Amino acid sequence: MDGRTVDDRDQRWEAMHERLTRMLEEVGFPHTVARVYAALTLAQGEGLSTSELVEELGVSNASVSNATQFLVGTELVERYRVRGSREAHNRILKGMWGTILAKKFAAIGYIRRTAEEALTLDPSDKARERLEEMHDVYSFFEKEFEAVVDRWNERNRT
């Protein structure tokens, strides 16, 4: 044993859960969705049941249900059945982070095209300046991220 107690590990695990939750919130996850996803990420086994999530997170059954429904809808989580259990279990779908990032990167093109369209509306000098900056930044990142996604896809084909 490394001298750490079970309480130390529990505290470290809880701190990591909070860090993952904050990180997920920073990329746009709603709070309870982030907490559920973090719990499923750190689950000791394949996944967690609804009641396990309720107990671990100290939230209502409805909150867990709404969060897991959101995560299932975004294809980050799947529900599955465990023999002998009457309730749904949830687990992280593997291989989804690249897809999520590709979708985020695709949104950059939408923003760039919107700025481009706004520039055709003969904006004031100040508005044009802001729109040109927006267009320039998003054009740059759109090109850069396309190359990143291509490299990621190539890496995963091998």
Protein backbone atom coordinates (compact mmCIF):
# COMPACT_ATOMS: atom_id res chain seq x y z
CA MET A 1 0.00 0.00 0.00
CA ASP A 2 1.24 3.52 -0.68
CA GLY A 3 0.28 4.95 2.73
CA ARG A 4 -2.88 6.63 1.50
CA THR A 5 -6.13 5.83 3.24
CA VAL A 6 -9.47 5.05 1.64
CA ASP A 7 -10.61 8.52 2.74
CA ASP A 8 -7.64 10.09 0.88
CA ARG A 9 -8.56 8.20 -2.30
CA ASP A 10 -12.23 9.17 -1.92
CA GLN A 11 -11.29 12.82 -1.48
CA ARG A 12 -8.96 12.72 -4.49
CA TRP A 13 -11.66 10.98 -6.54
CA GLU A 14 -14.24 13.58 -5.51
CA ALA A 15 -11.83 16.40 -6.38
CA MET A 16 -11.23 14.85 -9.81
CA HIS A 17 -14.99 14.56 -10.34
CA GLU A 18 -15.31 18.28 -9.59
CA ARG A 19 -12.44 19.13 -11.97
CA LEU A 20 -13.99 17.10 -14.78
CA THR A 21 -17.36 18.72 -14.10
CA ARG A 22 -15.87 22.22 -14.30
CA MET A 23 -13.98 21.34 -17.48
CA LEU A 24 -17.16 20.02 -19.12
CA GLU A 25 -19.09 23.10 -18.05
CA GLU A 26 -16.42 25.30 -19.61
CA VAL A 27 -16.96 23.58 -22.97
CA GLY A 28 -20.70 24.10 -22.75
CA PHE A 29 -22.25 21.23 -20.82
CA PRO A 30 -25.09 22.18 -18.45
CA HIS A 31 -24.10 21.64 -14.80
CA THR A 32 -26.03 18.44 -14.03
CA VAL A 33 -25.20 16.95 -17.43
CA ALA A 34 -21.52 17.65 -16.72
CA ARG A 35 -21.77 16.01 -13.29
CA VAL A 36 -23.43 12.89 -14.72
CA TYR A 37 -20.92 12.63 -17.57
CA ALA A 38 -18.02 13.05 -15.13
CA ALA A 39 -19.47 10.34 -12.87
CA LEU A 40 -19.84 7.96 -15.81
CA THR A 41 -16.30 8.75 -16.95
CA LEU A 42 -14.92 7.89 -13.52
CA ALA A 43 -17.19 4.88 -12.90
CA GLN A 44 -15.28 1.86 -11.60
CA GLY A 45 -17.18 -0.55 -13.83
CA GLU A 46 -18.92 -0.45 -17.20
CA GLY A 47 -21.34 2.27 -16.16
CA LEU A 48 -23.80 3.35 -13.48
CA SER A 49 -27.50 2.81 -12.89
CA THR A 50 -29.89 5.69 -12.46
CA SER A 51 -30.15 5.03 -8.72
CA GLU A 52 -26.35 4.89 -8.40
CA LEU A 53 -26.09 8.27 -10.13
CA VAL A 54 -28.81 9.72 -7.88
CA GLU A 55 -27.01 8.48 -4.78
CA GLU A 56 -23.51 9.46 -5.89
CA LEU A 57 -24.47 12.94 -7.06
CA GLY A 58 -27.13 13.74 -4.48
CA VAL A 59 -29.60 14.93 -7.11
CA SER A 60 -33.15 13.93 -7.95
CA ASN A 61 -34.13 11.02 -10.14
CA ALA A 62 -35.68 13.53 -12.58
CA SER A 63 -32.38 15.47 -12.81
CA VAL A 64 -30.44 12.29 -13.59
CA SER A 65 -33.10 11.21 -16.09
CA ASN A 66 -33.00 14.56 -17.90
CA ALA A 67 -29.20 14.61 -17.95
CA THR A 68 -28.88 11.05 -19.25
CA GLN A 69 -31.59 11.71 -21.84
CA PHE A 70 -29.56 14.70 -23.07
CA LEU A 71 -26.36 12.64 -23.16
CA VAL A 72 -28.06 9.76 -24.99
CA GLY A 73 -29.52 12.26 -27.48
CA THR A 74 -26.08 13.69 -28.19
CA GLU A 75 -24.70 10.17 -28.60
CA LEU A 76 -22.18 10.51 -25.78
CA VAL A 77 -23.86 7.91 -23.58
CA GLU A 78 -25.90 4.81 -24.16
CA ARG A 79 -28.39 3.02 -21.98
CA TYR A 80 -27.99 -0.69 -21.45
CA ARG A 81 -29.55 -3.43 -19.38
CA VAL A 82 -27.93 -5.53 -16.73
CA ARG A 83 -29.26 -9.03 -16.17
CA GLY A 84 -31.28 -9.15 -12.98
CA SER A 85 -31.73 -5.37 -12.75
CA ARG A 86 -34.98 -3.61 -13.56
CA GLU A 87 -33.45 -0.18 -14.03
CA ALA A 88 -31.52 1.40 -16.84
CA HIS A 89 -27.76 1.64 -16.68
CA ASN A 90 -25.72 4.22 -18.56
CA ARG A 91 -22.23 4.09 -20.00
CA ILE A 92 -19.97 6.31 -22.03
CA LEU A 93 -19.85 5.56 -25.74
CA LYS A 94 -16.30 5.02 -26.91
CA GLY A 95 -14.74 6.93 -29.77
CA MET A 96 -17.00 9.98 -29.56
CA TRP A 97 -14.59 12.76 -28.59
CA GLY A 98 -13.25 13.13 -32.13
CA THR A 99 -16.81 13.37 -33.45
CA ILE A 100 -17.73 15.96 -30.84
CA LEU A 101 -14.74 18.11 -31.70
CA ALA A 102 -15.43 17.77 -35.43
CA LYS A 103 -18.96 19.10 -34.81
CA LYS A 104 -17.58 21.99 -32.78
CA PHE A 105 -15.11 22.76 -35.54
CA ALA A 106 -17.93 22.68 -38.11
CA ALA A 107 -19.70 25.40 -36.11
CA ILE A 108 -16.69 27.62 -36.77
CA GLY A 109 -17.53 27.53 -40.49
CA TYR A 110 -21.08 28.60 -39.71
CA ILE A 111 -19.83 31.61 -37.76
CA ARG A 112 -17.38 32.51 -40.53
CA ARG A 113 -20.12 32.32 -43.18
CA THR A 114 -22.45 34.46 -41.06
CA ALA A 115 -19.78 37.14 -40.64
CA GLU A 116 -19.12 36.96 -44.39
CA GLU A 117 -22.81 37.45 -45.13
CA ALA A 118 -23.06 40.35 -42.67
CA LEU A 119 -20.18 42.05 -44.47
CA THR A 120 -22.26 42.13 -47.67
CA LEU A 121 -24.94 44.26 -45.93
CA ASP A 122 -22.88 47.46 -46.13
CA PRO A 123 -22.23 47.80 -42.38
CA SER A 124 -20.91 50.95 -40.74
CA ASP A 125 -17.14 51.34 -40.52
CA LYS A 126 -17.06 50.19 -36.89
CA ALA A 127 -19.33 47.19 -37.56
CA ARG A 128 -17.24 46.31 -40.64
CA GLU A 129 -14.08 46.39 -38.53
CA ARG A 130 -15.60 43.99 -35.98
CA LEU A 131 -17.04 41.70 -38.67
CA GLU A 132 -13.75 41.58 -40.59
CA GLU A 133 -11.91 40.61 -37.42
CA MET A 134 -14.50 37.91 -36.70
CA HIS A 135 -14.29 36.65 -40.27
CA ASP A 136 -10.49 36.64 -40.22
CA VAL A 137 -10.24 34.74 -36.92
CA TYR A 138 -12.86 32.15 -37.84
CA SER A 139 -11.45 31.68 -41.36
CA PHE A 140 -8.04 30.98 -39.87
CA PHE A 141 -9.30 28.47 -37.32
CA GLU A 142 -11.64 26.81 -39.80
CA LYS A 143 -8.70 26.00 -42.09
CA GLU A 144 -6.48 24.92 -39.22
CA PHE A 145 -9.10 22.68 -37.64
CA GLU A 146 -9.93 21.04 -40.99
CA ALA A 147 -6.33 19.90 -41.17
CA VAL A 148 -6.46 18.67 -37.56
CA VAL A 149 -9.64 16.68 -38.19
CA ASP A 150 -8.12 15.19 -41.35
CA ARG A 151 -5.02 14.11 -39.41
CA TRP A 152 -7.18 12.67 -36.62
CA ASN A 153 -9.26 10.67 -39.11
CA GLU A 154 -6.13 9.43 -40.86
CA ARG A 155 -4.60 8.38 -37.54
CA ASN A 156 -7.69 6.41 -36.61
CA ARG A 157 -7.87 4.58 -39.96
CA THR A 158 -4.59 2.81 -39.28
